[in-house]
C-alpha cells in the first residue's frame, strides 16, 4: 500500500483549514481535520517541478541528456564500422 502526501481542505465552513497529510490513496476519503475533527476533501495541488527539465541552469536538460547518449551511440557505431 503506497502512502503519499496529499493536500486537504476542511469541509467545516468555520474552520476551512488547508493541510497536508501523509496517507494511503485508499484512505483519502476518511481524513479528518487536525483542528476541528471535521471531514476534509482532497485538493488538487501544484505539481512537482523536476529541475532536470531545464528550469535550473545547474542541471542539464533532458534534451542535453538525449544528445549526449546519441553522441555516445554514434561513437560506438563508428568504431564498429571501422573494424
C-alpha atoms as a PDB file:
ATOM      1  CA  UNK A   1       0.000   0.000   0.000  1.00  0.00           C
ATOM      2  CA  UNK A   2       1.624   3.215  -1.195  1.00  0.00           C
ATOM      3  CA  UNK A   3       1.485   6.291   1.007  1.00  0.00           C
ATOM      4  CA  UNK A   4       1.857   9.826  -0.309  1.00  0.00           C
ATOM      5  CA  UNK A   5       1.420  13.379   0.872  1.00  0.00           C
ATOM      6  CA  UNK A   6      -1.866  14.920  -0.223  1.00  0.00           C
ATOM      7  CA  UNK A   7      -3.309  18.363   0.376  1.00  0.00           C
ATOM      8  CA  UNK A   8      -6.716  18.563   2.078  1.00  0.00           C
ATOM      9  CA  UNK A   9      -9.223  21.311   2.928  1.00  0.00           C
ATOM     10  CA  UNK A  10     -11.552  21.097   5.924  1.00  0.00           C
ATOM     11  CA  UNK A  11     -15.232  20.982   4.883  1.00  0.00           C
ATOM     12  CA  UNK A  12     -16.312  22.882   8.012  1.00  0.00           C
ATOM     13  CA  UNK A  13     -17.034  26.453   6.804  1.00  0.00           C
ATOM     14  CA  UNK A  14     -15.933  27.944  10.127  1.00  0.00           C
ATOM     15  CA  UNK A  15     -12.555  26.184  10.057  1.00  0.00           C
ATOM     16  CA  UNK A  16     -11.683  25.815   6.338  1.00  0.00           C
ATOM     17  CA  UNK A  17      -8.067  24.932   7.124  1.00  0.00           C
ATOM     18  CA  UNK A  18      -5.805  23.640   4.345  1.00  0.00           C
ATOM     19  CA  UNK A  19      -3.323  20.992   5.494  1.00  0.00           C
ATOM     20  CA  UNK A  20      -1.089  18.212   4.186  1.00  0.00           C
ATOM     21  CA  UNK A  21      -1.490  14.631   5.307  1.00  0.00           C
ATOM     22  CA  UNK A  22       0.599  11.523   4.657  1.00  0.00           C
ATOM     23  CA  UNK A  23      -1.981   8.833   3.747  1.00  0.00           C
ATOM     24  CA  UNK A  24      -2.553   5.807   1.549  1.00  0.00           C
ATOM     25  CA  UNK A  25      -4.571   6.524  -1.602  1.00  0.00           C
ATOM     26  CA  UNK A  26      -7.331   4.197  -0.387  1.00  0.00           C
ATOM     27  CA  UNK A  27      -7.767   6.304   2.788  1.00  0.00           C
ATOM     28  CA  UNK A  28      -8.103   9.779   1.226  1.00  0.00           C
ATOM     29  CA  UNK A  29     -11.864   9.802   1.825  1.00  0.00           C
ATOM     30  CA  UNK A  30     -11.536   9.327   5.601  1.00  0.00           C
ATOM     31  CA  UNK A  31      -9.096  12.120   6.539  1.00  0.00           C
ATOM     32  CA  UNK A  32     -10.227  14.368   9.404  1.00  0.00           C
ATOM     33  CA  UNK A  33      -9.189  17.987  10.014  1.00  0.00           C
ATOM     34  CA  UNK A  34      -6.460  18.168  12.673  1.00  0.00           C
ATOM     35  CA  UNK A  35      -8.022  21.320  14.216  1.00  0.00           C
ATOM     36  CA  UNK A  36     -11.752  20.638  14.399  1.00  0.00           C
ATOM     37  CA  UNK A  37     -12.046  16.920  13.507  1.00  0.00           C
ATOM     38  CA  UNK A  38     -14.487  17.538  10.627  1.00  0.00           C
ATOM     39  CA  UNK A  39     -14.304  15.700   7.323  1.00  0.00           C
ATOM     40  CA  UNK A  40     -11.938  17.061   4.707  1.00  0.00           C
ATOM     41  CA  UNK A  41     -11.666  16.911   0.937  1.00  0.00           C
ATOM     42  CA  UNK A  42      -8.572  16.186  -1.135  1.00  0.00           C
ATOM     43  CA  UNK A  43      -7.402  19.239  -3.079  1.00  0.00           C
ATOM     44  CA  UNK A  44      -5.646  19.431  -6.417  1.00  0.00           C
ATOM     45  CA  UNK A  45      -2.196  20.699  -5.570  1.00  0.00           C
ATOM     46  CA  UNK A  46       0.648  22.043  -7.669  1.00  0.00           C
ATOM     47  CA  UNK A  47       2.806  19.543  -9.487  1.00  0.00           C
ATOM     48  CA  UNK A  48       6.396  18.853  -8.558  1.00  0.00           C
ATOM     49  CA  UNK A  49       8.868  20.522 -10.908  1.00  0.00           C
ATOM     50  CA  UNK A  50      11.849  18.400 -11.818  1.00  0.00           C
ATOM     51  CA  UNK A  51      14.944  20.643 -12.054  1.00  0.00           C
ATOM     52  CA  UNK A  52      16.436  18.371 -14.718  1.00  0.00           C
ATOM     53  CA  UNK A  53      13.883  19.680 -17.212  1.00  0.00           C
ATOM     54  CA  UNK A  54      15.913  22.803 -17.793  1.00  0.00           C
ATOM     55  CA  UNK A  55      14.394  25.159 -15.249  1.00  0.00           C
ATOM     56  CA  UNK A  56      17.661  25.359 -13.319  1.00  0.00           C
ATOM     57  CA  UNK A  57      20.844  26.203 -15.231  1.00  0.00           C
ATOM     58  CA  UNK A  58      22.983  23.986 -12.979  1.00  0.00           C
ATOM     59  CA  UNK A  59      21.225  20.835 -14.254  1.00  0.00           C
ATOM     60  CA  UNK A  60      21.392  19.539 -17.825  1.00  0.00           C
ATOM     61  CA  UNK A  61      18.098  19.393 -19.663  1.00  0.00           C
ATOM     62  CA  UNK A  62      16.532  16.175 -20.892  1.00  0.00           C
ATOM     63  CA  UNK A  63      17.475  17.315 -24.402  1.00  0.00           C
ATOM     64  CA  UNK A  64      21.130  17.593 -23.312  1.00  0.00           C
ATOM     65  CA  UNK A  65      20.946  14.064 -21.916  1.00  0.00           C
ATOM     66  CA  UNK A  66      19.421  12.742 -25.155  1.00  0.00           C
ATOM     67  CA  UNK A  67      22.126  14.469 -27.227  1.00  0.00           C
ATOM     68  CA  UNK A  68      24.900  13.039 -25.032  1.00  0.00           C
ATOM     69  CA  UNK A  69      23.520   9.499 -25.336  1.00  0.00           C
ATOM     70  CA  UNK A  70      23.115   9.965 -29.095  1.00  0.00           C
ATOM     71  CA  UNK A  71      26.788  11.062 -29.420  1.00  0.00           C
ATOM     72  CA  UNK A  72      27.919   8.061 -27.378  1.00  0.00           C
ATOM     73  CA  UNK A  73      25.945   5.647 -29.551  1.00  0.00           C
ATOM     74  CA  UNK A  74      27.250   7.246 -32.729  1.00  0.00           C
ATOM     75  CA  UNK A  75      30.826   6.893 -31.446  1.00  0.00           C
ATOM     76  CA  UNK A  76      30.266   3.196 -30.678  1.00  0.00           C
ATOM     77  CA  UNK A  77      28.724   2.588 -34.105  1.00  0.00           C
ATOM     78  CA  UNK A  78      31.595   4.352 -35.897  1.00  0.00           C
ATOM     79  CA  UNK A  79      34.111   2.135 -34.044  1.00  0.00           C
ATOM     80  CA  UNK A  80      32.151  -0.951 -35.138  1.00  0.00           C
ATOM     81  CA  UNK A  81      32.156   0.230 -38.744  1.00  0.00           C
ATOM     82  CA  UNK A  82      35.959   0.739 -38.702  1.00  0.00           C
ATOM     83  CA  UNK A  83      36.583  -2.931 -37.923  1.00  0.00           C
END
